[in-house]
Each structure stands twice: as structure tokens, then as C-alpha cells.
């Protein structure tokens, strides 16, 4: 599979090029420029097919000109010693849990896959690369620390706002033989973003040092999310006679566009129900509309490597606004509806739902006419509920006891001086030293 830019169809790159240099020069984002039909293979899967097998086969099918089937399977095997869990709540309601990785968030899947792909590529080319990202919430730091351990060719420079450095262990630090160089910036999250933007403005530096990203601006972080839907279908096809809809938090729209790529590969997906956002909302006819779509890509600022949104990928996918309305169903959800949804999931199904899953369930209830006739809705749970313990305890009065505890925002001390928000030269030196 080759990839093109949302802002220049004449730009065609390989998978390797797209993940090592994830920001096209014209300011767009990389997207698949080919559409393969995996229908025969997808329909062959069943509830005995492991997630690892699905990931290996799809990796081989998607990028078979760069990886042999054996290497593709090895990438998946190393990336996924864990897998999603699909639970049935009633005859037409399911939950796809994506938080059974090492740190309890969906990020584990994308980060682990990207790291496994990159380490494999770098092993064969003899190159090295550096991931540079902001980890203001600490979630990305936790996933990267797990995925990068024992890797030989790949390092990470992680920026934290002052006082927010967390979720790493001393063994992860580059100066202790690890693969992460934590940098605490004497400023805010936006100051971290400005430093990352300044790095990617230096095209020659990024190209010569293979400086890349582990957030979803990188197509290699996004592609493994297509595997979720194939995995869910392999479990659902014997249980559901009608249409299948997925209800999920919009987030930065990555899971939605990944689901649409899965549909493009001939996976049976009938639509996505989301809580409406400021940019992806309902029009006067209660149909989906994208607020920015009136402005052409060329008249917009370049996509932000530090704080990406996949909305542009979504717009590129839907050349027709009518097609968008046939697949994406936003619903306006109030705070009260979200709380009621959380409580209903517990009372009716004894299910502890985090804040985002509760909001998705509320949206599904609003749009329930879509799946009334033998159809089904799958709630996509992206985070361990214990990450949202305050929300759950406030609304339900107790916490789940059968889930693996998760550590959140564990502070760290780097022992290094704070980086000034304008000290671009020192950050360049840190990146070079990390290699």
C-alpha cells in the first residue's frame, strides 16, 4: 500500500517514508491512496482467530511490498502480547474493551504497533530514529515506556510542562540505558507544542535524523486501529443478524477514520455514533456536518504535529457530504444524559463505564432507531474505568474490583535542568545526543 497527502494527491510515499517522515511538506496528513478488498479473508475469521493473527495478516496485506508475510506476523507478535475483549451485554448491545494493554488505554495498541514496525524497519536499514512528542497527560509516556523497552534503534524525546513529568521509571531514562529522554519545559503545554512545531519546521533536521512522531499524526499509529473492527466482527458475525454500528467518543477522530478505512477494506460496518463535537456536529436536519468543510485544505494552516486532529483525514475520505451523513451519526449529549447512561449500564448490566463510554452509550440511545431491527451497537471503551474512578464512584458509589489497577500520573524527577520554552538549540542537541 502507498500513501498520499490530503493536500497533494501527486505526493506518493511508501509506508516506511510515511512513518519516518509523517508530516507532508504541504501541511497535510498521510492517508492510504489504494483500496484493497479483504472481504474473503475477513469473512473467514471467527471467534477463534486471535487479534495477533488478524494484525499479522492485515499488516501483510496492507504493506506486502515492504514486508514479507513472515516479517508482518513477527511485527504483530511483538506488538500484541495483549488483545481487545468483546463483551455482550444483551442481544443487541456489546462493549469492545481496548484497555487490556500494559497501561490500561487504547494508546497501548497504536504505540506498540508503531514501535514494532519502526524497530523492524530500522533493523533492516541500519538506521536510527527519534520520536518526539508532548506527554502532558502522562498517558503517552506510560505507553511509550512499555513499548520502547529493550529496543535498539529507536529512542523517544518526551516533553512535559513544568511539574507534569510522570509515568516513567528511572530505568527508562536514556542516561540510565533506557530509550526515553524526558525533558521538563519551564512552561505550559502550549510551550511544549511550540518546541515540537519548531523541530518539524526544520525539514532537513527531521529528515537527516529520522525525527518522527508517535501520536496519530503518524499513519503508523493510526492503521492498527483498523484491526479493532475486524477483531470485533470476527466475534459478532455469529451473534448479530442485522447491521452493526459502533458508538464511541470522537476524541481526535482517529478511531472513526480507522473504522472507515476498515469499511473501505470491505469489512461490514454500517456506521459510527458519536457524541457531537464543536467541529463534527448535527445540522438543522439532525444530520452530520463538518464545520471546517467550507474552507479548502489549501487555505488552512498546516496540520499540527504536536496536537493533531484526524478531522482532515475524515474530510478527505468523504469527498461527498452525503456519504458522510450515511456513516457518521453525531448526537448532542447533555451532562445529565451522560450520568444517566453510566448509571443505566451499571443497573441493567452491572457494567462500570468510564465517562467517555457513558457518553457514547447516551448517544447510542438517542440514535437507537438505527439498530432497532435486529441490528447491534458496539460501545468502544478506550480506557480502563479505573482511570476515571472519580466519575464512576460519584455516579455509582463503587468501583470495579475485577480490573487490574492502573497507575495514573506517577510523578518523576529527571534530575535535569528545566528547558526554556525558547531554547530550540538545546532541544536539537538533546535529540542528537539521544541517537
Protein backbone atom coordinates (compact mmCIF):
# COMPACT_ATOMS: atom_id res chain seq x y z
CA UNK A 1 0.00 0.00 0.00
CA UNK A 2 1.13 3.51 -0.83
CA UNK A 3 0.17 6.72 0.92
CA UNK A 4 -0.64 10.19 -0.32
CA UNK A 5 -1.11 13.61 1.25
CA UNK A 6 -4.53 15.08 1.99
CA UNK A 7 -3.31 18.28 0.34
CA UNK A 8 -1.42 16.94 -2.68
CA UNK A 9 -2.53 13.77 -4.48
CA UNK A 10 0.68 13.74 -6.50
CA UNK A 11 2.67 13.02 -3.33
CA UNK A 12 3.06 9.23 -3.14
CA UNK A 13 5.20 7.59 -0.46
CA UNK A 14 5.86 4.14 0.98
CA UNK A 15 4.83 3.01 4.47
CA UNK A 16 8.41 3.45 5.66
CA UNK A 17 8.55 7.01 4.33
CA UNK A 18 5.16 7.85 5.85
CA UNK A 19 6.05 6.72 9.37
CA UNK A 20 9.60 8.09 9.42
CA UNK A 21 8.58 11.46 7.94
CA UNK A 22 4.92 11.75 8.99
CA UNK A 23 4.23 15.40 8.09
CA UNK A 24 3.95 16.09 4.33
CA UNK A 25 5.71 19.27 3.26
CA UNK A 26 2.49 20.96 2.10
CA UNK A 27 0.99 20.71 5.59
CA UNK A 28 -1.42 17.79 5.13
CA UNK A 29 -1.56 14.29 6.60
CA UNK A 30 -0.76 10.95 5.02
CA UNK A 31 -3.68 8.70 4.04
CA UNK A 32 -3.93 5.42 2.10
CA UNK A 33 -4.16 6.04 -1.63
CA UNK A 34 -5.18 2.48 -2.51
CA UNK A 35 -8.22 0.46 -1.51
CA UNK A 36 -7.74 -3.30 -1.19
CA UNK A 37 -10.59 -5.79 -0.82
CA UNK A 38 -10.03 -8.17 2.10
CA UNK A 39 -13.60 -9.50 2.10
CA UNK A 40 -12.72 -13.17 1.60
CA UNK A 41 -10.18 -13.17 4.39
CA UNK A 42 -12.33 -11.10 6.79
CA UNK A 43 -15.31 -13.41 6.33
CA UNK A 44 -13.05 -16.39 7.06
CA UNK A 45 -12.17 -15.14 10.56
CA UNK A 46 -14.12 -16.41 13.56
CA UNK A 47 -14.09 -16.21 17.35
CA UNK A 48 -11.03 -18.48 17.43
CA UNK A 49 -8.93 -16.06 15.35
CA UNK A 50 -6.57 -14.21 17.65
CA UNK A 51 -6.04 -10.47 17.49
CA UNK A 52 -2.36 -11.14 16.86
CA UNK A 53 -3.25 -13.26 13.82
CA UNK A 54 -5.63 -10.59 12.49
CA UNK A 55 -2.97 -7.91 12.92
CA UNK A 56 -0.28 -10.00 11.24
CA UNK A 57 -2.44 -10.92 8.25
CA UNK A 58 -3.72 -7.37 7.73
CA UNK A 59 -0.19 -5.97 8.07
CA UNK A 60 0.97 -8.35 5.38
CA UNK A 61 -1.99 -7.49 3.14
CA UNK A 62 -1.69 -3.73 3.60
CA UNK A 63 2.05 -3.35 3.13
CA UNK A 64 3.03 -6.57 1.36
CA UNK A 65 5.51 -4.79 -0.94
CA UNK A 66 7.62 -3.79 2.06
CA UNK A 67 7.20 -6.72 4.46
CA UNK A 68 7.08 -10.44 3.78
CA UNK A 69 4.23 -12.36 5.49
CA UNK A 70 6.73 -13.78 7.98
CA UNK A 71 8.03 -10.34 8.99
CA UNK A 72 4.47 -8.95 9.17
CA UNK A 73 3.48 -11.73 11.56
CA UNK A 74 6.61 -11.10 13.63
CA UNK A 75 5.77 -7.38 13.89
CA UNK A 76 2.28 -8.24 15.17
CA UNK A 77 3.56 -10.91 17.56
CA UNK A 78 5.97 -8.46 19.18
CA UNK A 79 3.43 -5.63 19.22
CA UNK A 80 0.47 -7.52 20.65
CA UNK A 81 1.02 -9.86 23.57
CA UNK A 82 -2.37 -8.42 24.63
CA UNK A 83 -5.69 -8.11 22.79
CA UNK A 84 -9.11 -6.44 22.99
CA UNK A 85 -12.06 -8.04 24.76
CA UNK A 86 -15.60 -8.09 23.35
CA UNK A 87 -18.40 -8.44 25.90
CA UNK A 88 -22.09 -8.99 25.21
CA UNK A 89 -24.45 -7.01 27.45
CA UNK A 90 -27.73 -8.02 25.78
CA UNK A 91 -28.99 -9.25 22.40
CA UNK A 92 -28.08 -6.04 20.57
CA UNK A 93 -25.59 -4.30 22.87
CA UNK A 94 -21.88 -5.11 23.11
CA UNK A 95 -18.74 -3.49 24.53
CA UNK A 96 -15.36 -3.63 22.79
CA UNK A 97 -12.78 -3.07 25.53
CA UNK A 98 -9.48 -1.63 24.30
CA UNK A 99 -7.84 -1.14 27.68
CA UNK A 100 -6.29 -4.53 28.37
CA UNK A 101 -2.77 -3.48 27.41
CA UNK A 102 0.02 -2.71 29.89
CA UNK A 103 -1.11 0.81 30.82
CA UNK A 104 -4.90 0.50 30.51
CA UNK A 105 -5.56 2.73 27.50
CA UNK A 106 -6.19 2.27 23.78
CA UNK A 107 -2.87 4.06 23.14
CA UNK A 108 -1.05 0.83 24.01
CA UNK A 109 -2.20 -0.77 20.75
CA UNK A 110 -1.18 2.06 18.42
CA UNK A 111 2.10 2.88 20.15
CA UNK A 112 3.20 -0.74 20.46
CA UNK A 113 2.45 -1.43 16.78
CA UNK A 114 4.20 1.71 15.56
CA UNK A 115 7.28 0.96 17.66
CA UNK A 116 7.35 -2.65 16.45
CA UNK A 117 7.11 -1.56 12.80
CA UNK A 118 9.77 1.10 13.18
CA UNK A 119 12.20 -1.13 15.06
CA UNK A 120 11.85 -3.75 12.32
CA UNK A 121 12.41 -1.24 9.53
CA UNK A 122 15.41 0.32 11.28
CA UNK A 123 16.90 -3.11 11.96
CA UNK A 124 16.96 -3.89 8.23
CA UNK A 125 18.12 -0.45 7.10
CA UNK A 126 20.72 0.04 9.82
CA UNK A 127 19.28 3.46 10.65
CA UNK A 128 18.16 5.04 13.91
CA UNK A 129 15.19 7.29 14.67
CA UNK A 130 13.83 9.55 17.39
CA UNK A 131 10.19 10.02 18.38
CA UNK A 132 9.46 13.49 19.75
CA UNK A 133 6.13 14.12 21.44
CA UNK A 134 4.35 16.05 24.15
CA UNK A 135 3.03 13.96 27.07
CA UNK A 136 1.17 16.50 29.16
CA UNK A 137 -1.32 13.94 30.49
CA UNK A 138 1.26 11.21 31.05
CA UNK A 139 -0.72 8.57 29.12
CA UNK A 140 1.61 8.60 26.12
CA UNK A 141 4.65 8.41 28.38
CA UNK A 142 3.30 5.28 30.03
CA UNK A 143 2.62 3.55 26.70
CA UNK A 144 5.97 4.53 25.22
CA UNK A 145 7.91 3.40 28.27
CA UNK A 146 6.40 -0.07 27.91
CA UNK A 147 6.75 -0.30 24.12
CA UNK A 148 10.33 1.01 23.89
CA UNK A 149 11.99 -1.20 26.49
CA UNK A 150 14.84 -3.26 25.01
CA UNK A 151 14.56 -1.58 21.60
CA UNK A 152 17.94 -0.94 19.93
CA UNK A 153 17.27 1.52 17.12
CA UNK A 154 14.53 3.79 18.41
CA UNK A 155 14.56 6.48 21.11
CA UNK A 156 11.98 8.96 22.36
CA UNK A 157 12.31 12.57 23.49
CA UNK A 158 9.24 13.39 25.59
CA UNK A 159 8.36 16.95 26.57
CA UNK A 160 6.45 17.65 29.79
CA UNK A 161 5.19 21.02 31.06
CA UNK A 162 6.78 22.11 34.32
CA UNK A 163 5.65 19.91 37.21
CA UNK A 164 3.87 17.41 34.93
CA UNK A 165 6.64 14.87 34.30
CA UNK A 166 5.20 11.46 35.16
CA UNK A 167 4.65 7.78 34.37
CA UNK A 168 8.26 6.80 33.66
CA UNK A 169 10.77 4.81 35.66
CA UNK A 170 14.44 5.71 36.09
CA UNK A 171 15.44 2.66 34.04
CA UNK A 172 13.59 4.24 31.09
CA UNK A 173 15.88 7.29 31.03
CA UNK A 174 18.48 7.44 28.22
CA UNK A 175 21.26 8.23 30.68
CA UNK A 176 20.43 5.02 32.58
CA UNK A 177 20.50 2.86 29.46
CA UNK A 178 16.80 3.28 28.59
CA UNK A 179 15.20 4.69 25.46
CA UNK A 180 13.39 7.81 26.70
CA UNK A 181 14.85 11.26 27.25
CA UNK A 182 12.31 13.15 29.41
CA UNK A 183 12.51 16.93 29.07
CA UNK A 184 10.69 19.14 31.53
CA UNK A 185 9.89 22.51 29.93
CA UNK A 186 9.73 25.62 32.10
CA UNK A 187 6.30 26.50 30.77
CA UNK A 188 2.91 25.19 29.70
CA UNK A 189 1.60 22.51 27.37
CA UNK A 190 1.43 25.09 24.59
CA UNK A 191 5.13 25.87 25.14
CA UNK A 192 5.86 22.17 24.59
CA UNK A 193 3.80 22.25 21.41
CA UNK A 194 5.72 25.28 20.10
CA UNK A 195 9.03 23.50 20.61
CA UNK A 196 7.81 20.43 18.73
CA UNK A 197 6.49 22.60 15.90
CA UNK A 198 9.88 24.33 15.66
CA UNK A 199 11.58 20.94 15.29
CA UNK A 200 9.30 19.94 12.41
CA UNK A 201 9.78 23.28 10.71
CA UNK A 202 13.43 22.24 10.31
CA UNK A 203 12.80 19.78 7.46
CA UNK A 204 16.48 18.99 6.94
CA UNK A 205 16.99 18.12 10.61
CA UNK A 206 13.94 15.85 10.67
CA UNK A 207 14.98 14.05 7.51
CA UNK A 208 18.65 13.61 8.45
CA UNK A 209 17.91 12.37 11.98
CA UNK A 210 14.68 10.46 11.22
CA UNK A 211 12.72 12.57 13.72
CA UNK A 212 9.14 11.38 13.82
CA UNK A 213 6.01 11.22 15.98
CA UNK A 214 4.15 8.59 17.99
CA UNK A 215 0.83 10.48 18.05
CA UNK A 216 -1.89 9.87 15.45
CA UNK A 217 -0.47 12.38 13.01
CA UNK A 218 1.67 9.35 12.19
CA UNK A 219 -0.30 6.97 9.95
CA UNK A 220 1.58 4.06 11.54
CA UNK A 221 -0.07 4.86 14.86
CA UNK A 222 -3.50 5.05 13.20
CA UNK A 223 -3.52 1.93 10.98
CA UNK A 224 -3.62 -0.65 13.81
CA UNK A 225 -6.91 0.84 14.96
CA UNK A 226 -8.48 -0.69 11.83
CA UNK A 227 -7.69 -4.10 13.34
CA UNK A 228 -10.12 -3.47 16.23
CA UNK A 229 -13.11 -3.58 13.93
CA UNK A 230 -12.03 -6.77 12.17
CA UNK A 231 -11.50 -8.40 15.55
CA UNK A 232 -14.93 -7.29 16.76
CA UNK A 233 -16.62 -8.56 13.58
CA UNK A 234 -14.95 -11.97 13.94
CA UNK A 235 -16.78 -12.29 17.28
CA UNK A 236 -20.01 -10.60 16.26
CA UNK A 237 -20.87 -12.31 13.00
CA UNK A 238 -22.33 -15.41 14.69
CA UNK A 239 -24.31 -13.30 17.16
CA UNK A 240 -25.79 -10.46 15.08
CA UNK A 241 -28.12 -10.87 12.10
CA UNK A 242 -28.54 -7.17 11.26
CA UNK A 243 -26.42 -4.04 10.85
CA UNK A 244 -23.50 -3.25 13.16
CA UNK A 245 -22.92 0.27 14.49
CA UNK A 246 -20.10 1.46 16.72
CA UNK A 247 -20.67 4.09 19.41
CA UNK A 248 -17.55 5.84 20.63
CA UNK A 249 -16.02 9.06 21.82
CA UNK A 250 -14.96 11.26 18.91
CA UNK A 251 -11.60 12.06 20.51
CA UNK A 252 -9.32 13.39 17.80
CA UNK A 253 -11.38 11.41 15.23
CA UNK A 254 -8.70 8.72 14.81
CA UNK A 255 -10.91 5.78 15.76
CA UNK A 256 -13.63 6.97 13.37
CA UNK A 257 -11.35 7.28 10.35
CA UNK A 258 -9.72 3.93 11.22
CA UNK A 259 -13.17 2.34 11.22
CA UNK A 260 -13.90 3.89 7.84
CA UNK A 261 -10.64 2.50 6.45
CA UNK A 262 -11.78 -0.90 7.74
CA UNK A 263 -15.08 -0.43 5.88
CA UNK A 264 -13.12 0.53 2.76
CA UNK A 265 -11.27 -2.79 3.05
CA UNK A 266 -14.73 -4.48 2.77
CA UNK A 267 -15.41 -5.00 6.47
CA UNK A 268 -19.17 -4.91 7.27
CA UNK A 269 -19.51 -1.63 9.20
CA UNK A 270 -22.75 0.33 8.93
CA UNK A 271 -21.95 3.49 10.82
CA UNK A 272 -20.45 5.34 13.77
CA UNK A 273 -22.44 7.01 16.51
CA UNK A 274 -20.59 9.74 18.38
CA UNK A 275 -21.33 12.50 20.87
CA UNK A 276 -21.34 15.67 18.78
CA UNK A 277 -18.29 17.95 18.99
CA UNK A 278 -17.75 21.59 18.05
CA UNK A 279 -16.33 20.51 14.68
CA UNK A 280 -18.34 17.35 13.95
CA UNK A 281 -21.94 18.13 14.71
CA UNK A 282 -25.55 17.94 13.52
CA UNK A 283 -27.11 20.38 11.10
CA UNK A 284 -30.69 21.69 11.25
CA UNK A 285 -31.88 18.34 9.87
CA UNK A 286 -30.02 16.42 12.59
CA UNK A 287 -27.52 15.08 10.05
CA UNK A 288 -23.75 15.08 10.27
CA UNK A 289 -21.77 18.09 9.13
CA UNK A 290 -18.14 19.20 9.49
CA UNK A 291 -17.83 22.82 10.47
CA UNK A 292 -14.49 23.43 8.73
CA UNK A 293 -15.54 21.87 5.42
CA UNK A 294 -16.39 25.24 3.92
CA UNK A 295 -12.67 26.13 3.96
CA UNK A 296 -10.42 24.35 1.46
CA UNK A 297 -7.41 22.47 2.81
CA UNK A 298 -5.04 24.80 0.97
CA UNK A 299 -6.49 27.81 2.83
CA UNK A 300 -5.97 26.30 6.26
CA UNK A 301 -2.90 26.35 8.48
CA UNK A 302 -0.63 23.31 8.28
CA UNK A 303 -1.63 20.36 10.43
CA UNK A 304 -0.14 20.49 13.91
CA UNK A 305 2.47 17.77 14.59
CA UNK A 306 2.25 18.44 18.32
CA UNK A 307 -1.52 18.33 18.73
CA UNK A 308 -3.04 16.53 15.74
CA UNK A 309 -6.66 16.12 14.69
CA UNK A 310 -7.77 13.47 12.21
CA UNK A 311 -10.68 15.59 11.03
CA UNK A 312 -8.86 16.42 7.80
CA UNK A 313 -8.43 12.70 7.09
CA UNK A 314 -12.16 12.31 7.66
CA UNK A 315 -12.96 15.14 5.24
CA UNK A 316 -10.57 13.71 2.65
CA UNK A 317 -12.24 10.31 2.92
CA UNK A 318 -15.72 11.77 2.41
CA UNK A 319 -15.46 13.66 -0.85
CA UNK A 320 -19.27 13.81 -0.71
CA UNK A 321 -21.09 15.30 2.26
CA UNK A 322 -23.99 12.93 1.52
CA UNK A 323 -21.71 9.93 2.08
CA UNK A 324 -20.62 11.41 5.41
CA UNK A 325 -24.27 11.61 6.51
CA UNK A 326 -24.68 7.91 5.72
CA UNK A 327 -21.89 6.75 8.01
CA UNK A 328 -21.38 9.19 10.88
CA UNK A 329 -24.22 9.98 13.29
CA UNK A 330 -23.49 12.68 15.88
CA UNK A 331 -25.85 13.18 18.79
CA UNK A 332 -25.90 16.08 21.23
CA UNK A 333 -25.42 14.58 24.71
CA UNK A 334 -26.01 16.57 27.89
CA UNK A 335 -24.15 16.06 31.16
CA UNK A 336 -27.32 14.67 32.71
CA UNK A 337 -27.76 12.14 29.88
CA UNK A 338 -24.15 11.03 30.28
CA UNK A 339 -24.57 10.44 34.02
CA UNK A 340 -27.85 8.61 33.48
CA UNK A 341 -26.18 6.41 30.85
CA UNK A 342 -23.39 5.50 33.27
CA UNK A 343 -25.93 4.55 35.93
CA UNK A 344 -28.10 2.59 33.50
CA UNK A 345 -25.16 0.50 32.29
CA UNK A 346 -24.43 -0.44 35.89
CA UNK A 347 -28.02 -1.09 36.97
CA UNK A 348 -29.08 -3.08 33.89
CA UNK A 349 -25.82 -4.85 33.05
CA UNK A 350 -23.56 -4.48 36.09
CA UNK A 351 -21.09 -2.74 33.79
CA UNK A 352 -18.75 0.00 35.02
CA UNK A 353 -18.40 2.54 32.22
CA UNK A 354 -15.92 5.40 32.16
CA UNK A 355 -17.01 8.91 31.26
CA UNK A 356 -16.38 8.62 27.50
CA UNK A 357 -18.07 5.21 27.17
CA UNK A 358 -21.06 6.52 29.13
CA UNK A 359 -21.32 9.47 26.76
CA UNK A 360 -21.14 7.12 23.76
CA UNK A 361 -23.92 4.97 25.23
CA UNK A 362 -26.06 8.07 25.73
CA UNK A 363 -25.52 8.98 22.06
CA UNK A 364 -26.48 5.43 21.02
CA UNK A 365 -29.71 5.67 22.99
CA UNK A 366 -30.56 8.88 21.16
CA UNK A 367 -29.87 7.19 17.80
CA UNK A 368 -31.40 3.82 18.68
CA UNK A 369 -33.71 3.85 15.65
CA UNK A 370 -30.65 2.91 13.56
CA UNK A 371 -30.34 -0.57 15.04
CA UNK A 372 -33.87 -1.44 16.18
CA UNK A 373 -34.44 -4.20 13.60
CA UNK A 374 -32.01 -7.00 14.54
CA UNK A 375 -29.09 -4.60 14.43
CA UNK A 376 -26.48 -4.12 17.12
CA UNK A 377 -24.45 -1.35 18.67
CA UNK A 378 -20.92 -1.84 19.97
CA UNK A 379 -19.68 0.58 22.62
CA UNK A 380 -15.96 1.22 22.20
CA UNK A 381 -14.38 1.51 25.67
CA UNK A 382 -10.98 3.12 25.21
CA UNK A 383 -9.74 3.43 28.81
CA UNK A 384 -9.68 1.32 31.94
CA UNK A 385 -12.59 2.58 34.08
CA UNK A 386 -10.17 2.99 36.98
CA UNK A 387 -8.63 5.88 35.04
CA UNK A 388 -11.99 7.58 35.68
CA UNK A 389 -12.56 6.38 39.22
CA UNK A 390 -13.83 9.76 40.46
CA UNK A 391 -16.55 9.89 37.78
CA UNK A 392 -17.65 6.30 38.40
CA UNK A 393 -17.62 6.49 42.18
CA UNK A 394 -19.56 9.76 42.14
CA UNK A 395 -22.29 8.33 39.90
CA UNK A 396 -22.42 4.72 41.02
CA UNK A 397 -20.97 4.75 44.53
CA UNK A 398 -18.43 1.95 44.00
CA UNK A 399 -15.57 0.86 41.76
CA UNK A 400 -14.98 -2.39 39.85
CA UNK A 401 -12.97 -4.96 41.77
CA UNK A 402 -12.10 -7.32 38.93
CA UNK A 403 -9.94 -4.95 36.90
CA UNK A 404 -6.18 -4.66 37.02
CA UNK A 405 -5.27 -1.50 38.98
CA UNK A 406 -3.65 1.26 36.94
CA UNK A 407 -1.13 3.86 37.96
CA UNK A 408 -2.01 7.38 36.90
CA UNK A 409 0.19 10.47 36.89
CA UNK A 410 3.00 8.96 38.95
CA UNK A 411 5.43 11.93 39.26
CA UNK A 412 9.09 11.56 38.31
CA UNK A 413 12.27 13.55 38.94
CA UNK A 414 14.53 13.81 35.92
CA UNK A 415 17.45 15.42 37.73
CA UNK A 416 17.94 17.73 34.75
CA UNK A 417 17.53 21.48 34.40
CA UNK A 418 14.26 22.83 33.06
CA UNK A 419 14.32 23.61 29.35
CA UNK A 420 13.44 27.20 28.50
CA UNK A 421 10.42 27.46 26.16
CA UNK A 422 12.51 29.24 23.51
CA UNK A 423 15.63 27.08 23.76
CA UNK A 424 15.32 25.33 20.43
CA UNK A 425 19.08 24.78 20.11
CA UNK A 426 19.32 22.80 23.35
CA UNK A 427 16.40 20.63 22.28
CA UNK A 428 18.20 19.91 18.98
CA UNK A 429 21.28 18.84 20.95
CA UNK A 430 19.17 16.56 23.15
CA UNK A 431 17.69 14.89 20.07
CA UNK A 432 21.13 14.39 18.52
CA UNK A 433 22.56 13.02 21.79
CA UNK A 434 19.63 10.60 22.09
CA UNK A 435 20.69 8.88 18.87
